[in-house]
Amino acid sequence: MGSKAFVSMILVASLCATILFTQGVAQVQPPLTTPGFVLPGSPIDLVKCWSSLFNVEGCVLEISKSIFSGKFENVEAACCKVFSTLDANCWPQMFPLNPFFPPLLKDNCARIVPNSHK
């Protein structure tokens, strides 16, 4: 139970830091967007990106374990379904230290939920 709490605390701390940094950038440079359209390089709403994963019980913990271990066996079908629906523009903001992780997880999820790979 101690390792789960440690991983959760690290994930929460990194999410908070990323959200605060992104909000600071958004305040300094107002986005030049049309409602419903995101320009490349525009600040991405990280809360929106992460919210669907937080709505699936244990999904964020499963993903964080996979990031640190490089193993995907803990990621369940419900988590894969949600992850496969994430906007690819979220990935660089959600996983800035490991840009190769999202495609690896998506490929793994395609094996778990065959229709999830777009």
C-alpha atoms as a PDB file:
ATOM      1  CA  MET A   1       0.000   0.000   0.000  1.00  0.00           C
ATOM      2  CA  GLY A   2       2.934   2.335   0.657  1.00  0.00           C
ATOM      3  CA  SER A   3       4.175   2.188  -2.951  1.00  0.00           C
ATOM      4  CA  LYS A   4       0.698   3.050  -4.273  1.00  0.00           C
ATOM      5  CA  ALA A   5       0.550   6.100  -2.041  1.00  0.00           C
ATOM      6  CA  PHE A   6       4.060   7.155  -3.095  1.00  0.00           C
ATOM      7  CA  VAL A   7       3.267   6.789  -6.817  1.00  0.00           C
ATOM      8  CA  SER A   8      -0.015   8.647  -6.343  1.00  0.00           C
ATOM      9  CA  MET A   9       1.716  11.506  -4.530  1.00  0.00           C
ATOM     10  CA  ILE A  10       4.374  11.808  -7.255  1.00  0.00           C
ATOM     11  CA  LEU A  11       1.694  11.812  -9.956  1.00  0.00           C
ATOM     12  CA  VAL A  12      -0.426  14.408  -8.161  1.00  0.00           C
ATOM     13  CA  ALA A  13       2.606  16.643  -7.571  1.00  0.00           C
ATOM     14  CA  SER A  14       3.675  16.451 -11.215  1.00  0.00           C
ATOM     15  CA  LEU A  15       0.129  17.104 -12.413  1.00  0.00           C
ATOM     16  CA  CYS A  16      -0.179  20.156 -10.162  1.00  0.00           C
ATOM     17  CA  ALA A  17       3.167  21.524 -11.311  1.00  0.00           C
ATOM     18  CA  THR A  18       2.274  20.990 -14.964  1.00  0.00           C
ATOM     19  CA  ILE A  19      -1.163  22.579 -14.546  1.00  0.00           C
ATOM     20  CA  LEU A  20       0.288  25.595 -12.737  1.00  0.00           C
ATOM     21  CA  PHE A  21       2.983  26.021 -15.374  1.00  0.00           C
ATOM     22  CA  THR A  22       0.466  25.717 -18.227  1.00  0.00           C
ATOM     23  CA  GLN A  23      -1.878  28.219 -16.556  1.00  0.00           C
ATOM     24  CA  GLY A  24       1.017  30.689 -16.197  1.00  0.00           C
ATOM     25  CA  VAL A  25       1.845  30.336 -19.880  1.00  0.00           C
ATOM     26  CA  ALA A  26      -1.817  30.788 -20.793  1.00  0.00           C
ATOM     27  CA  GLN A  27      -1.978  34.003 -18.748  1.00  0.00           C
ATOM     28  CA  VAL A  28       1.188  35.428 -20.299  1.00  0.00           C
ATOM     29  CA  GLN A  29       0.227  34.562 -23.871  1.00  0.00           C
ATOM     30  CA  PRO A  30      -3.511  34.677 -24.546  1.00  0.00           C
ATOM     31  CA  PRO A  31      -4.418  31.821 -26.894  1.00  0.00           C
ATOM     32  CA  LEU A  32      -5.299  32.745 -30.454  1.00  0.00           C
ATOM     33  CA  THR A  33      -8.066  30.206 -30.933  1.00  0.00           C
ATOM     34  CA  THR A  34     -11.539  29.973 -32.267  1.00  0.00           C
ATOM     35  CA  PRO A  35     -13.997  28.180 -29.948  1.00  0.00           C
ATOM     36  CA  GLY A  36     -13.724  24.440 -30.548  1.00  0.00           C
ATOM     37  CA  PHE A  37     -10.469  24.762 -32.534  1.00  0.00           C
ATOM     38  CA  VAL A  38      -7.001  24.330 -31.021  1.00  0.00           C
ATOM     39  CA  LEU A  39      -3.960  25.627 -32.876  1.00  0.00           C
ATOM     40  CA  PRO A  40      -0.756  23.593 -32.695  1.00  0.00           C
ATOM     41  CA  GLY A  41       1.353  24.897 -29.840  1.00  0.00           C
ATOM     42  CA  SER A  42      -1.660  26.339 -27.996  1.00  0.00           C
ATOM     43  CA  PRO A  43      -1.959  25.570 -24.280  1.00  0.00           C
ATOM     44  CA  ILE A  44      -3.937  22.382 -23.785  1.00  0.00           C
ATOM     45  CA  ASP A  45      -6.458  22.113 -20.973  1.00  0.00           C
ATOM     46  CA  LEU A  46      -4.745  19.473 -18.824  1.00  0.00           C
ATOM     47  CA  VAL A  47      -7.736  19.154 -16.533  1.00  0.00           C
ATOM     48  CA  LYS A  48      -9.817  18.121 -19.534  1.00  0.00           C
ATOM     49  CA  CYS A  49      -7.075  15.740 -20.702  1.00  0.00           C
ATOM     50  CA  TRP A  50      -6.757  13.987 -17.330  1.00  0.00           C
ATOM     51  CA  SER A  51     -10.411  14.121 -16.229  1.00  0.00           C
ATOM     52  CA  SER A  52     -11.589  11.176 -18.295  1.00  0.00           C
ATOM     53  CA  LEU A  53      -8.754   9.022 -16.911  1.00  0.00           C
ATOM     54  CA  PHE A  54      -9.595  10.038 -13.337  1.00  0.00           C
ATOM     55  CA  ASN A  55     -13.224   9.018 -13.972  1.00  0.00           C
ATOM     56  CA  VAL A  56     -12.191   5.358 -14.407  1.00  0.00           C
ATOM     57  CA  GLU A  57     -11.360   3.851 -11.022  1.00  0.00           C
ATOM     58  CA  GLY A  58      -7.669   3.007 -10.750  1.00  0.00           C
ATOM     59  CA  CYS A  59      -6.833   4.115 -14.294  1.00  0.00           C
ATOM     60  CA  VAL A  60      -4.373   6.862 -13.356  1.00  0.00           C
ATOM     61  CA  LEU A  61      -2.615   4.522 -10.931  1.00  0.00           C
ATOM     62  CA  GLU A  62      -2.417   1.796 -13.604  1.00  0.00           C
ATOM     63  CA  ILE A  63      -0.930   4.263 -16.097  1.00  0.00           C
ATOM     64  CA  SER A  64       1.544   5.666 -13.573  1.00  0.00           C
ATOM     65  CA  LYS A  65       2.721   2.137 -12.718  1.00  0.00           C
ATOM     66  CA  SER A  66       3.210   1.471 -16.423  1.00  0.00           C
ATOM     67  CA  ILE A  67       5.248   4.655 -16.855  1.00  0.00           C
ATOM     68  CA  PHE A  68       7.659   3.676 -14.088  1.00  0.00           C
ATOM     69  CA  SER A  69       7.825  -0.062 -14.794  1.00  0.00           C
ATOM     70  CA  GLY A  70       7.532  -0.145 -18.580  1.00  0.00           C
ATOM     71  CA  LYS A  71       5.003  -2.966 -18.163  1.00  0.00           C
ATOM     72  CA  PHE A  72       1.392  -2.722 -19.287  1.00  0.00           C
ATOM     73  CA  GLU A  73      -0.204  -5.802 -17.711  1.00  0.00           C
ATOM     74  CA  ASN A  74      -1.979  -3.731 -15.035  1.00  0.00           C
ATOM     75  CA  VAL A  75      -3.827  -1.551 -17.544  1.00  0.00           C
ATOM     76  CA  GLU A  76      -7.358  -2.877 -17.832  1.00  0.00           C
ATOM     77  CA  ALA A  77      -9.845  -2.659 -20.695  1.00  0.00           C
ATOM     78  CA  ALA A  78     -11.888   0.228 -19.220  1.00  0.00           C
ATOM     79  CA  CYS A  79      -8.734   2.308 -18.842  1.00  0.00           C
ATOM     80  CA  CYS A  80      -7.628   1.433 -22.384  1.00  0.00           C
ATOM     81  CA  LYS A  81     -10.981   2.500 -23.810  1.00  0.00           C
ATOM     82  CA  VAL A  82     -10.703   5.902 -22.158  1.00  0.00           C
ATOM     83  CA  PHE A  83      -7.022   6.340 -23.043  1.00  0.00           C
ATOM     84  CA  SER A  84      -7.724   5.575 -26.704  1.00  0.00           C
ATOM     85  CA  THR A  85     -10.243   8.427 -26.831  1.00  0.00           C
ATOM     86  CA  LEU A  86      -7.771  11.051 -25.586  1.00  0.00           C
ATOM     87  CA  ASP A  87      -6.845  13.793 -28.024  1.00  0.00           C
ATOM     88  CA  ALA A  88      -3.271  13.153 -29.228  1.00  0.00           C
ATOM     89  CA  ASN A  89      -2.588  16.864 -28.559  1.00  0.00           C
ATOM     90  CA  CYS A  90      -2.888  16.060 -24.839  1.00  0.00           C
ATOM     91  CA  TRP A  91      -0.066  13.519 -24.888  1.00  0.00           C
ATOM     92  CA  PRO A  92       2.944  15.881 -24.968  1.00  0.00           C
ATOM     93  CA  GLN A  93       1.452  17.873 -22.082  1.00  0.00           C
ATOM     94  CA  MET A  94       0.467  14.815 -20.046  1.00  0.00           C
ATOM     95  CA  PHE A  95       3.702  12.893 -20.578  1.00  0.00           C
ATOM     96  CA  PRO A  96       6.378  15.553 -21.182  1.00  0.00           C
ATOM     97  CA  LEU A  97       9.229  13.408 -19.856  1.00  0.00           C
ATOM     98  CA  ASN A  98       8.367  10.297 -21.861  1.00  0.00           C
ATOM     99  CA  PRO A  99       7.048  11.106 -25.362  1.00  0.00           C
ATOM    100  CA  PHE A 100       7.259   7.447 -26.387  1.00  0.00           C
ATOM    101  CA  PHE A 101       4.923   6.236 -23.637  1.00  0.00           C
ATOM    102  CA  PRO A 102       1.528   7.229 -25.144  1.00  0.00           C
ATOM    103  CA  PRO A 103       2.024   5.387 -28.465  1.00  0.00           C
ATOM    104  CA  LEU A 104       3.311   2.315 -26.612  1.00  0.00           C
ATOM    105  CA  LEU A 105       0.294   2.315 -24.303  1.00  0.00           C
ATOM    106  CA  LYS A 106      -2.080   2.883 -27.211  1.00  0.00           C
ATOM    107  CA  ASP A 107      -0.556  -0.065 -29.114  1.00  0.00           C
ATOM    108  CA  ASN A 108      -0.841  -2.245 -26.006  1.00  0.00           C
ATOM    109  CA  CYS A 109      -4.455  -1.149 -25.555  1.00  0.00           C
ATOM    110  CA  ALA A 110      -5.202  -2.127 -29.163  1.00  0.00           C
ATOM    111  CA  ARG A 111      -4.433  -5.713 -28.108  1.00  0.00           C
ATOM    112  CA  ILE A 112      -6.644  -5.482 -25.004  1.00  0.00           C
ATOM    113  CA  VAL A 113      -9.526  -3.666 -26.693  1.00  0.00           C
ATOM    114  CA  PRO A 114      -9.191  -4.453 -30.426  1.00  0.00           C
ATOM    115  CA  ASN A 115     -11.335  -1.547 -31.665  1.00  0.00           C
ATOM    116  CA  SER A 116      -9.534   1.063 -29.534  1.00  0.00           C
ATOM    117  CA  HIS A 117      -6.635   1.715 -31.962  1.00  0.00           C
ATOM    118  CA  LYS A 118      -7.550   4.608 -34.241  1.00  0.00           C
END
